[in-house]
Amino acid sequence: MTEEAKSSQPQADPAVSVVGPGDGETIVLGTTHMRVLEDGSHTGHRLAIAESVLAPHTPGPPQHRHAQHDEGFYILSGTVRFTVGDKEHDATAGTLVIVPLGTPHTFANPTDQPAVMLSTFTPDLYVQYFRDLQEVLADGRPLTPQANIDAMSRYATEPATDPTSSQRDDTARPSAT
């Protein structure tokens, strides 16, 4: 076989990551169930991907801004309400929402049906934030707005609004992205 023919043959790459339907790390945060599909360990920490299921009437995290990573949200089913500054956008299945650095945002599921979304984090910085929130709950501590903000601050993220002025019920806080 010629060298050219050898190089054109499909080759198995040990660096390729395949995550099956039942695979991935599971993180449960109140009414949000997240499955981490890629935590950055296979992408040189350039990209992380997670699937999140938001139960009906799941409130969102405090509105916040990221200083070091962009986020993308692709809605697989249901409706997710994104609040960007003072504007609301109801995103349904097939909708992609991109949140660049510094943009104030939050999300929630205000409907009677579950919502499923795929989230990207570039770079992967924010995956550990969700792990930190799960640890708060595992330690028996409530996932209060302040606990959420404390965890955010470790990942170049800050509240975009005064957390004490929130009218939401923060006791069943889902993941904050």
N, C-alpha and C. Protein backbone atom coordinates (compact mmCIF):
# COMPACT_ATOMS: atom_id res chain seq x y z
N MET A 1 0.84 -1.17 0.00
CA MET A 1 0.00 0.00 0.00
C MET A 1 0.89 1.24 0.00
N THR A 2 0.54 2.23 -0.79
CA THR A 2 1.35 3.44 -0.87
C THR A 2 1.16 4.27 0.40
N GLU A 3 2.11 5.18 0.65
CA GLU A 3 2.00 6.06 1.81
C GLU A 3 0.74 6.92 1.72
N GLU A 4 0.40 7.36 0.50
CA GLU A 4 -0.80 8.17 0.32
C GLU A 4 -2.04 7.38 0.68
N ALA A 5 -2.10 6.13 0.27
CA ALA A 5 -3.25 5.30 0.58
C ALA A 5 -3.36 5.05 2.08
N LYS A 6 -2.20 4.83 2.73
CA LYS A 6 -2.20 4.61 4.18
C LYS A 6 -2.75 5.83 4.92
N SER A 7 -2.35 7.02 4.49
CA SER A 7 -2.76 8.22 5.20
C SER A 7 -4.23 8.56 4.96
N SER A 8 -4.84 8.02 3.91
CA SER A 8 -6.25 8.32 3.65
C SER A 8 -7.18 7.30 4.30
N GLN A 9 -6.64 6.26 4.89
CA GLN A 9 -7.44 5.25 5.58
C GLN A 9 -8.03 5.85 6.87
N PRO A 10 -9.31 5.55 7.17
CA PRO A 10 -9.85 6.01 8.45
C PRO A 10 -9.04 5.40 9.59
N GLN A 11 -8.75 6.21 10.60
CA GLN A 11 -7.95 5.73 11.71
C GLN A 11 -8.68 6.04 13.01
N ALA A 12 -8.61 5.08 13.93
CA ALA A 12 -9.20 5.31 15.25
C ALA A 12 -8.32 6.29 16.00
N ASP A 13 -8.94 7.28 16.61
CA ASP A 13 -8.20 8.27 17.37
C ASP A 13 -8.52 8.07 18.84
N PRO A 14 -7.52 7.74 19.65
CA PRO A 14 -7.81 7.49 21.07
C PRO A 14 -8.30 8.73 21.81
N ALA A 15 -8.15 9.92 21.21
CA ALA A 15 -8.59 11.14 21.88
C ALA A 15 -10.08 11.43 21.64
N VAL A 16 -10.70 10.68 20.74
CA VAL A 16 -12.12 10.91 20.47
C VAL A 16 -12.95 10.48 21.68
N SER A 17 -13.90 11.30 22.05
CA SER A 17 -14.76 11.00 23.19
C SER A 17 -16.16 10.69 22.68
N VAL A 18 -16.72 9.60 23.14
CA VAL A 18 -18.09 9.23 22.80
C VAL A 18 -18.85 9.05 24.11
N VAL A 19 -19.92 9.80 24.27
CA VAL A 19 -20.75 9.73 25.48
C VAL A 19 -22.11 9.19 25.07
N GLY A 20 -22.44 8.00 25.56
CA GLY A 20 -23.69 7.36 25.20
C GLY A 20 -24.87 7.93 25.96
N PRO A 21 -26.09 7.49 25.60
CA PRO A 21 -27.31 8.02 26.23
C PRO A 21 -27.35 7.90 27.75
N GLY A 22 -26.77 6.88 28.33
CA GLY A 22 -26.80 6.72 29.78
C GLY A 22 -25.52 7.17 30.45
N ASP A 23 -24.60 7.74 29.68
CA ASP A 23 -23.30 8.12 30.22
C ASP A 23 -23.25 9.58 30.61
N GLY A 24 -22.15 9.97 31.19
CA GLY A 24 -21.94 11.35 31.61
C GLY A 24 -22.14 11.50 33.10
N GLU A 25 -21.60 12.56 33.62
CA GLU A 25 -21.72 12.88 35.05
C GLU A 25 -23.08 13.53 35.30
N THR A 26 -23.78 13.08 36.34
CA THR A 26 -25.08 13.64 36.69
C THR A 26 -24.93 14.59 37.86
N ILE A 27 -25.51 15.77 37.72
CA ILE A 27 -25.52 16.77 38.78
C ILE A 27 -26.99 17.14 39.01
N VAL A 28 -27.44 17.01 40.25
CA VAL A 28 -28.82 17.34 40.58
C VAL A 28 -28.80 18.59 41.47
N LEU A 29 -29.51 19.61 41.01
CA LEU A 29 -29.59 20.88 41.73
C LEU A 29 -31.05 21.26 41.88
N GLY A 30 -31.65 20.82 42.96
CA GLY A 30 -33.06 21.11 43.16
C GLY A 30 -33.89 20.49 42.06
N THR A 31 -34.61 21.32 41.32
CA THR A 31 -35.50 20.83 40.27
C THR A 31 -34.81 20.72 38.91
N THR A 32 -33.51 20.96 38.88
CA THR A 32 -32.74 20.83 37.63
C THR A 32 -31.85 19.61 37.71
N HIS A 33 -31.92 18.80 36.67
CA HIS A 33 -31.03 17.64 36.54
C HIS A 33 -30.13 17.89 35.35
N MET A 34 -28.82 17.85 35.58
CA MET A 34 -27.85 18.14 34.54
C MET A 34 -27.01 16.89 34.28
N ARG A 35 -26.75 16.65 33.00
CA ARG A 35 -25.84 15.57 32.61
C ARG A 35 -24.69 16.21 31.86
N VAL A 36 -23.49 16.15 32.45
CA VAL A 36 -22.31 16.73 31.83
C VAL A 36 -21.84 15.76 30.75
N LEU A 37 -21.90 16.21 29.51
CA LEU A 37 -21.49 15.38 28.38
C LEU A 37 -20.02 15.55 28.06
N GLU A 38 -19.50 16.73 28.29
CA GLU A 38 -18.08 17.03 28.10
C GLU A 38 -17.71 18.08 29.13
N ASP A 39 -16.74 17.76 29.99
CA ASP A 39 -16.35 18.71 31.03
C ASP A 39 -15.10 19.51 30.65
N GLY A 40 -14.66 19.36 29.42
CA GLY A 40 -13.47 20.08 28.96
C GLY A 40 -12.23 19.21 28.92
N SER A 41 -12.29 18.04 29.52
CA SER A 41 -11.11 17.19 29.59
C SER A 41 -10.71 16.60 28.23
N HIS A 42 -11.62 16.60 27.26
CA HIS A 42 -11.30 16.08 25.93
C HIS A 42 -11.15 17.19 24.89
N THR A 43 -11.29 18.44 25.33
CA THR A 43 -11.24 19.56 24.38
C THR A 43 -10.14 20.56 24.73
N GLY A 44 -9.20 20.15 25.53
CA GLY A 44 -8.18 21.10 25.96
C GLY A 44 -8.79 22.24 26.77
N HIS A 45 -9.92 21.98 27.39
CA HIS A 45 -10.66 22.94 28.23
C HIS A 45 -11.23 24.11 27.45
N ARG A 46 -11.34 23.97 26.13
CA ARG A 46 -11.92 25.02 25.29
C ARG A 46 -13.43 25.00 25.28
N LEU A 47 -14.04 23.83 25.57
CA LEU A 47 -15.48 23.67 25.43
C LEU A 47 -15.99 22.64 26.43
N ALA A 48 -17.13 22.95 27.05
CA ALA A 48 -17.86 21.98 27.87
C ALA A 48 -19.30 21.97 27.37
N ILE A 49 -19.96 20.82 27.52
CA ILE A 49 -21.33 20.65 27.05
C ILE A 49 -22.13 19.90 28.11
N ALA A 50 -23.35 20.39 28.38
CA ALA A 50 -24.21 19.73 29.36
C ALA A 50 -25.64 19.74 28.86
N GLU A 51 -26.37 18.70 29.23
CA GLU A 51 -27.80 18.61 28.97
C GLU A 51 -28.51 18.85 30.30
N SER A 52 -29.48 19.75 30.30
CA SER A 52 -30.21 20.05 31.53
C SER A 52 -31.70 19.84 31.33
N VAL A 53 -32.31 19.22 32.32
CA VAL A 53 -33.76 19.06 32.34
C VAL A 53 -34.28 19.95 33.46
N LEU A 54 -35.13 20.92 33.08
CA LEU A 54 -35.74 21.84 34.04
C LEU A 54 -37.17 21.38 34.28
N ALA A 55 -37.49 21.06 35.51
CA ALA A 55 -38.85 20.65 35.86
C ALA A 55 -39.80 21.82 35.63
N PRO A 56 -41.11 21.54 35.51
CA PRO A 56 -42.08 22.63 35.37
C PRO A 56 -41.93 23.64 36.53
N HIS A 57 -42.07 24.89 36.20
CA HIS A 57 -42.03 25.99 37.17
C HIS A 57 -40.71 26.09 37.92
N THR A 58 -39.63 25.74 37.26
CA THR A 58 -38.30 25.87 37.85
C THR A 58 -37.84 27.31 37.74
N PRO A 59 -37.55 27.96 38.88
CA PRO A 59 -37.04 29.33 38.82
C PRO A 59 -35.60 29.32 38.34
N GLY A 60 -35.15 30.45 37.87
CA GLY A 60 -33.79 30.54 37.37
C GLY A 60 -32.81 31.02 38.42
N PRO A 61 -31.56 31.01 38.05
CA PRO A 61 -30.52 31.56 38.94
C PRO A 61 -30.66 33.08 38.98
N PRO A 62 -29.97 33.72 39.90
CA PRO A 62 -29.97 35.19 39.87
C PRO A 62 -29.42 35.66 38.52
N GLN A 63 -29.96 36.76 38.00
CA GLN A 63 -29.41 37.28 36.75
C GLN A 63 -27.94 37.61 36.99
N HIS A 64 -27.09 37.24 36.02
CA HIS A 64 -25.66 37.33 36.22
C HIS A 64 -24.93 37.61 34.91
N ARG A 65 -23.62 37.92 35.05
CA ARG A 65 -22.74 38.17 33.91
C ARG A 65 -21.48 37.31 34.08
N HIS A 66 -21.00 36.78 32.96
CA HIS A 66 -19.75 36.02 32.96
C HIS A 66 -18.64 36.88 32.36
N ALA A 67 -17.48 36.88 33.00
CA ALA A 67 -16.35 37.67 32.51
C ALA A 67 -15.36 36.85 31.70
N GLN A 68 -15.46 35.50 31.79
CA GLN A 68 -14.45 34.69 31.12
C GLN A 68 -14.99 33.57 30.26
N HIS A 69 -16.29 33.45 30.11
CA HIS A 69 -16.78 32.40 29.21
C HIS A 69 -18.11 32.81 28.56
N ASP A 70 -18.30 32.31 27.36
CA ASP A 70 -19.55 32.47 26.63
C ASP A 70 -20.40 31.24 26.91
N GLU A 71 -21.72 31.41 26.77
CA GLU A 71 -22.63 30.28 26.93
C GLU A 71 -23.55 30.19 25.73
N GLY A 72 -23.89 28.97 25.40
CA GLY A 72 -24.88 28.72 24.37
C GLY A 72 -25.93 27.79 24.94
N PHE A 73 -27.18 27.98 24.53
CA PHE A 73 -28.29 27.14 24.99
C PHE A 73 -29.10 26.74 23.76
N TYR A 74 -29.24 25.45 23.54
CA TYR A 74 -30.07 24.95 22.45
C TYR A 74 -31.23 24.21 23.08
N ILE A 75 -32.45 24.65 22.81
CA ILE A 75 -33.63 24.07 23.44
C ILE A 75 -34.04 22.82 22.67
N LEU A 76 -34.04 21.68 23.37
CA LEU A 76 -34.40 20.40 22.76
C LEU A 76 -35.90 20.13 22.87
N SER A 77 -36.51 20.53 24.00
CA SER A 77 -37.95 20.37 24.17
C SER A 77 -38.44 21.34 25.23
N GLY A 78 -39.73 21.63 25.17
CA GLY A 78 -40.32 22.54 26.13
C GLY A 78 -40.02 24.00 25.80
N THR A 79 -40.20 24.84 26.81
CA THR A 79 -39.97 26.28 26.67
C THR A 79 -39.10 26.75 27.82
N VAL A 80 -38.07 27.50 27.49
CA VAL A 80 -37.21 28.11 28.50
C VAL A 80 -37.29 29.62 28.31
N ARG A 81 -37.59 30.33 29.39
CA ARG A 81 -37.66 31.79 29.34
C ARG A 81 -36.29 32.35 29.72
N PHE A 82 -35.69 33.08 28.78
CA PHE A 82 -34.42 33.76 29.02
C PHE A 82 -34.72 35.22 29.29
N THR A 83 -34.16 35.73 30.36
CA THR A 83 -34.26 37.14 30.66
C THR A 83 -32.88 37.73 30.46
N VAL A 84 -32.80 38.68 29.56
CA VAL A 84 -31.53 39.33 29.21
C VAL A 84 -31.72 40.81 29.51
N GLY A 85 -31.10 41.24 30.61
CA GLY A 85 -31.38 42.61 31.07
C GLY A 85 -32.83 42.67 31.48
N ASP A 86 -33.62 43.54 30.82
CA ASP A 86 -35.04 43.64 31.15
C ASP A 86 -35.93 43.05 30.06
N LYS A 87 -35.34 42.33 29.10
CA LYS A 87 -36.12 41.72 28.02
C LYS A 87 -36.25 40.23 28.23
N GLU A 88 -37.46 39.70 27.98
CA GLU A 88 -37.72 38.27 28.10
C GLU A 88 -37.87 37.66 26.72
N HIS A 89 -37.33 36.45 26.57
CA HIS A 89 -37.43 35.70 25.32
C HIS A 89 -37.85 34.28 25.67
N ASP A 90 -39.00 33.84 25.18
CA ASP A 90 -39.43 32.45 25.38
C ASP A 90 -38.87 31.62 24.24
N ALA A 91 -37.94 30.74 24.57
CA ALA A 91 -37.26 29.91 23.58
C ALA A 91 -37.89 28.52 23.59
N THR A 92 -38.35 28.08 22.44
CA THR A 92 -38.96 26.76 22.30
C THR A 92 -38.01 25.83 21.57
N ALA A 93 -38.41 24.58 21.45
CA ALA A 93 -37.58 23.55 20.81
C ALA A 93 -37.06 24.05 19.46
N GLY A 94 -35.77 23.86 19.25
CA GLY A 94 -35.13 24.28 18.01
C GLY A 94 -34.51 25.66 18.08
N THR A 95 -34.65 26.34 19.22
CA THR A 95 -34.10 27.69 19.37
C THR A 95 -32.70 27.63 19.98
N LEU A 96 -31.81 28.44 19.44
CA LEU A 96 -30.45 28.59 19.97
C LEU A 96 -30.32 29.98 20.57
N VAL A 97 -29.82 30.05 21.79
CA VAL A 97 -29.57 31.32 22.47
C VAL A 97 -28.08 31.36 22.78
N ILE A 98 -27.39 32.40 22.32
CA ILE A 98 -25.97 32.59 22.60
C ILE A 98 -25.84 33.79 23.53
N VAL A 99 -25.12 33.61 24.63
CA VAL A 99 -24.91 34.68 25.60
C VAL A 99 -23.41 34.98 25.65
N PRO A 100 -23.01 36.11 25.04
CA PRO A 100 -21.59 36.46 25.05
C PRO A 100 -21.12 37.03 26.39
N LEU A 101 -19.82 37.14 26.54
CA LEU A 101 -19.22 37.70 27.75
C LEU A 101 -19.91 39.00 28.16
N GLY A 102 -20.12 39.15 29.45
CA GLY A 102 -20.62 40.40 30.00
C GLY A 102 -22.10 40.66 29.86
N THR A 103 -22.84 39.76 29.21
CA THR A 103 -24.27 39.98 28.98
C THR A 103 -25.08 39.50 30.19
N PRO A 104 -25.88 40.39 30.80
CA PRO A 104 -26.69 39.95 31.95
C PRO A 104 -27.79 39.00 31.48
N HIS A 105 -27.94 37.88 32.18
CA HIS A 105 -28.94 36.89 31.77
C HIS A 105 -29.32 35.96 32.90
N THR A 106 -30.45 35.32 32.71
CA THR A 106 -30.92 34.22 33.54
C THR A 106 -31.90 33.43 32.70
N PHE A 107 -32.38 32.34 33.23
CA PHE A 107 -33.36 31.52 32.53
C PHE A 107 -34.23 30.81 33.55
N ALA A 108 -35.39 30.35 33.10
CA ALA A 108 -36.33 29.62 33.97
C ALA A 108 -37.27 28.83 33.09
N ASN A 109 -37.97 27.89 33.69
CA ASN A 109 -39.04 27.18 33.00
C ASN A 109 -40.35 27.60 33.66
N PRO A 110 -41.07 28.54 33.05
CA PRO A 110 -42.32 29.02 33.67
C PRO A 110 -43.54 28.18 33.32
N THR A 111 -43.36 27.10 32.57
CA THR A 111 -44.50 26.34 32.05
C THR A 111 -44.85 25.14 32.92
N ASP A 112 -45.91 24.44 32.52
CA ASP A 112 -46.36 23.23 33.20
C ASP A 112 -45.69 21.96 32.67
N GLN A 113 -44.77 22.11 31.71
CA GLN A 113 -44.09 20.97 31.10
C GLN A 113 -42.59 21.05 31.37
N PRO A 114 -41.90 19.91 31.46
CA PRO A 114 -40.44 19.96 31.59
C PRO A 114 -39.83 20.59 30.34
N ALA A 115 -38.64 21.13 30.49
CA ALA A 115 -37.88 21.68 29.37
C ALA A 115 -36.50 21.04 29.39
N VAL A 116 -35.98 20.75 28.21
CA VAL A 116 -34.65 20.15 28.09
C VAL A 116 -33.82 21.06 27.20
N MET A 117 -32.60 21.37 27.66
CA MET A 117 -31.71 22.20 26.84
C MET A 117 -30.29 21.66 26.90
N LEU A 118 -29.58 21.92 25.83
CA LEU A 118 -28.16 21.60 25.71
C LEU A 118 -27.41 22.89 25.90
N SER A 119 -26.43 22.91 26.80
CA SER A 119 -25.67 24.13 27.08
C SER A 119 -24.21 23.93 26.72
N THR A 120 -23.60 24.99 26.19
CA THR A 120 -22.17 24.97 25.92
C THR A 120 -21.51 26.07 26.75
N PHE A 121 -20.29 25.81 27.17
CA PHE A 121 -19.51 26.77 27.94
C PHE A 121 -18.14 26.85 27.28
N THR A 122 -17.76 28.03 26.80
CA THR A 122 -16.46 28.18 26.15
C THR A 122 -15.70 29.34 26.79
N PRO A 123 -14.60 29.06 27.48
CA PRO A 123 -14.07 27.73 27.76
C PRO A 123 -14.89 27.01 28.83
N ASP A 124 -14.39 25.88 29.28
CA ASP A 124 -15.12 24.97 30.17
C ASP A 124 -15.22 25.44 31.61
N LEU A 125 -14.71 26.58 31.93
CA LEU A 125 -14.60 27.10 33.29
C LEU A 125 -15.80 26.83 34.19
N TYR A 126 -17.00 26.92 33.67
CA TYR A 126 -18.19 26.95 34.51
C TYR A 126 -18.70 25.59 34.97
N VAL A 127 -18.21 24.50 34.43
CA VAL A 127 -18.70 23.18 34.85
C VAL A 127 -18.45 22.97 36.35
N GLN A 128 -17.30 23.40 36.84
CA GLN A 128 -17.00 23.21 38.25
C GLN A 128 -17.97 23.98 39.14
N TYR A 129 -18.51 25.07 38.65
CA TYR A 129 -19.51 25.83 39.40
C TYR A 129 -20.71 24.95 39.76
N PHE A 130 -21.19 24.16 38.80
CA PHE A 130 -22.33 23.28 39.06
C PHE A 130 -21.96 22.21 40.08
N ARG A 131 -20.76 21.71 40.01
CA ARG A 131 -20.28 20.73 40.99
C ARG A 131 -20.25 21.36 42.38
N ASP A 132 -19.81 22.62 42.45
CA ASP A 132 -19.77 23.32 43.74
C ASP A 132 -21.16 23.48 44.33
N LEU A 133 -22.14 23.81 43.48
CA LEU A 133 -23.52 23.94 43.98
C LEU A 133 -24.05 22.60 44.49
N GLN A 134 -23.73 21.54 43.77
CA GLN A 134 -24.17 20.20 44.22
C GLN A 134 -23.55 19.88 45.57
N GLU A 135 -22.31 20.30 45.79
CA GLU A 135 -21.64 20.06 47.07
C GLU A 135 -22.33 20.81 48.20
N VAL A 136 -22.79 22.03 47.92
CA VAL A 136 -23.55 22.79 48.93
C VAL A 136 -24.74 21.96 49.39
N LEU A 137 -25.49 21.43 48.43
CA LEU A 137 -26.67 20.62 48.77
C LEU A 137 -26.28 19.32 49.48
N ALA A 138 -25.21 18.69 49.01
CA ALA A 138 -24.76 17.43 49.63
C ALA A 138 -24.33 17.63 51.08
N ASP A 139 -23.83 18.84 51.38
CA ASP A 139 -23.43 19.17 52.76
C ASP A 139 -24.62 19.55 53.63
N GLY A 140 -25.83 19.51 53.06
CA GLY A 140 -27.03 19.82 53.81
C GLY A 140 -27.31 21.30 53.95
N ARG A 141 -26.59 22.11 53.22
CA ARG A 141 -26.82 23.56 53.26
C ARG A 141 -27.83 23.94 52.18
N PRO A 142 -28.64 24.97 52.41
CA PRO A 142 -29.61 25.39 51.39
C PRO A 142 -28.91 26.13 50.25
N LEU A 143 -29.47 26.02 49.09
CA LEU A 143 -28.93 26.70 47.92
C LEU A 143 -29.58 28.08 47.84
N THR A 144 -29.11 28.96 48.70
CA THR A 144 -29.64 30.32 48.80
C THR A 144 -29.06 31.21 47.71
N PRO A 145 -29.67 32.37 47.48
CA PRO A 145 -29.06 33.31 46.51
C PRO A 145 -27.61 33.62 46.87
N GLN A 146 -27.30 33.78 48.16
CA GLN A 146 -25.93 34.11 48.54
C GLN A 146 -24.98 32.94 48.27
N ALA A 147 -25.41 31.71 48.53
CA ALA A 147 -24.57 30.54 48.22
C ALA A 147 -24.30 30.48 46.72
N ASN A 148 -25.31 30.79 45.92
CA ASN A 148 -25.19 30.82 44.48
C ASN A 148 -24.18 31.88 44.05
N ILE A 149 -24.31 33.07 44.60
CA ILE A 149 -23.42 34.18 44.26
C ILE A 149 -21.99 33.89 44.71
N ASP A 150 -21.83 33.29 45.88
CA ASP A 150 -20.49 32.93 46.36
C ASP A 150 -19.82 31.96 45.39
N ALA A 151 -20.58 30.96 44.93
CA ALA A 151 -20.02 30.00 43.97
C ALA A 151 -19.72 30.68 42.64
N MET A 152 -20.62 31.55 42.17
CA MET A 152 -20.39 32.27 40.91
C MET A 152 -19.08 33.05 40.95
N SER A 153 -18.82 33.69 42.08
CA SER A 153 -17.65 34.57 42.18
C SER A 153 -16.33 33.81 41.98
N ARG A 154 -16.33 32.52 42.24
CA ARG A 154 -15.11 31.72 42.04
C ARG A 154 -14.85 31.44 40.55
N TYR A 155 -15.82 31.78 39.69
CA TYR A 155 -15.70 31.47 38.26
C TYR A 155 -15.95 32.70 37.40
N ALA A 156 -15.42 33.84 37.84
CA ALA A 156 -15.46 35.09 37.08
C ALA A 156 -16.89 35.46 36.66
N THR A 157 -17.81 35.30 37.60
CA THR A 157 -19.22 35.60 37.34
C THR A 157 -19.74 36.44 38.50
N GLU A 158 -20.57 37.43 38.16
CA GLU A 158 -21.12 38.30 39.20
C GLU A 158 -22.59 38.54 38.94
N PRO A 159 -23.35 38.85 40.00
CA PRO A 159 -24.77 39.15 39.81
C PRO A 159 -24.93 40.40 38.94
N ALA A 160 -25.97 40.40 38.13
CA ALA A 160 -26.25 41.56 37.28
C ALA A 160 -27.27 42.47 37.95
N THR A 161 -27.91 41.99 39.01
CA THR A 161 -28.91 42.77 39.74
C THR A 161 -28.66 42.56 41.22
N ASP A 162 -29.32 43.36 42.03
CA ASP A 162 -29.22 43.23 43.48
C ASP A 162 -29.96 41.96 43.91
N PRO A 163 -29.24 40.95 44.44
CA PRO A 163 -29.89 39.69 44.79
C PRO A 163 -30.93 39.83 45.89
N THR A 164 -30.85 40.85 46.70
CA THR A 164 -31.83 41.00 47.78
C THR A 164 -33.15 41.54 47.27
N SER A 165 -33.17 42.04 46.03
CA SER A 165 -34.42 42.56 45.50
C SER A 165 -35.21 41.51 44.73
N SER A 166 -34.71 40.29 44.67
CA SER A 166 -35.39 39.23 43.92
C SER A 166 -36.72 38.88 44.57
N GLN A 167 -37.74 38.73 43.75
CA GLN A 167 -39.06 38.33 44.24
C GLN A 167 -39.29 36.84 44.06
N ARG A 168 -38.29 36.12 43.55
CA ARG A 168 -38.46 34.69 43.28
C ARG A 168 -38.25 33.88 44.54
N ASP A 169 -38.79 32.67 44.54
CA ASP A 169 -38.53 31.71 45.60
C ASP A 169 -37.20 31.05 45.30
N ASP A 170 -36.17 31.38 46.08
CA ASP A 170 -34.82 30.92 45.80
C ASP A 170 -34.49 29.60 46.47
N THR A 171 -35.44 28.97 47.12
CA THR A 171 -35.12 27.73 47.84
C THR A 171 -34.98 26.54 46.92
N ALA A 172 -35.58 26.56 45.76
CA ALA A 172 -35.49 25.43 44.83
C ALA A 172 -34.65 25.81 43.62
N ARG A 173 -33.60 26.52 43.87
CA ARG A 173 -32.72 27.05 42.85
C ARG A 173 -32.18 25.97 41.92
N PRO A 174 -32.32 26.13 40.61
CA PRO A 174 -31.66 25.21 39.70
C PRO A 174 -30.22 25.65 39.52
N SER A 175 -29.54 25.02 38.62
CA SER A 175 -28.18 25.44 38.32
C SER A 175 -28.20 26.86 37.78
N ALA A 176 -27.15 27.59 38.03
CA ALA A 176 -27.01 28.92 37.47
C ALA A 176 -25.94 28.86 36.41
N THR A 177 -26.23 29.40 35.27
CA THR A 177 -25.24 29.36 34.20
C THR A 177 -24.80 30.72 33.81
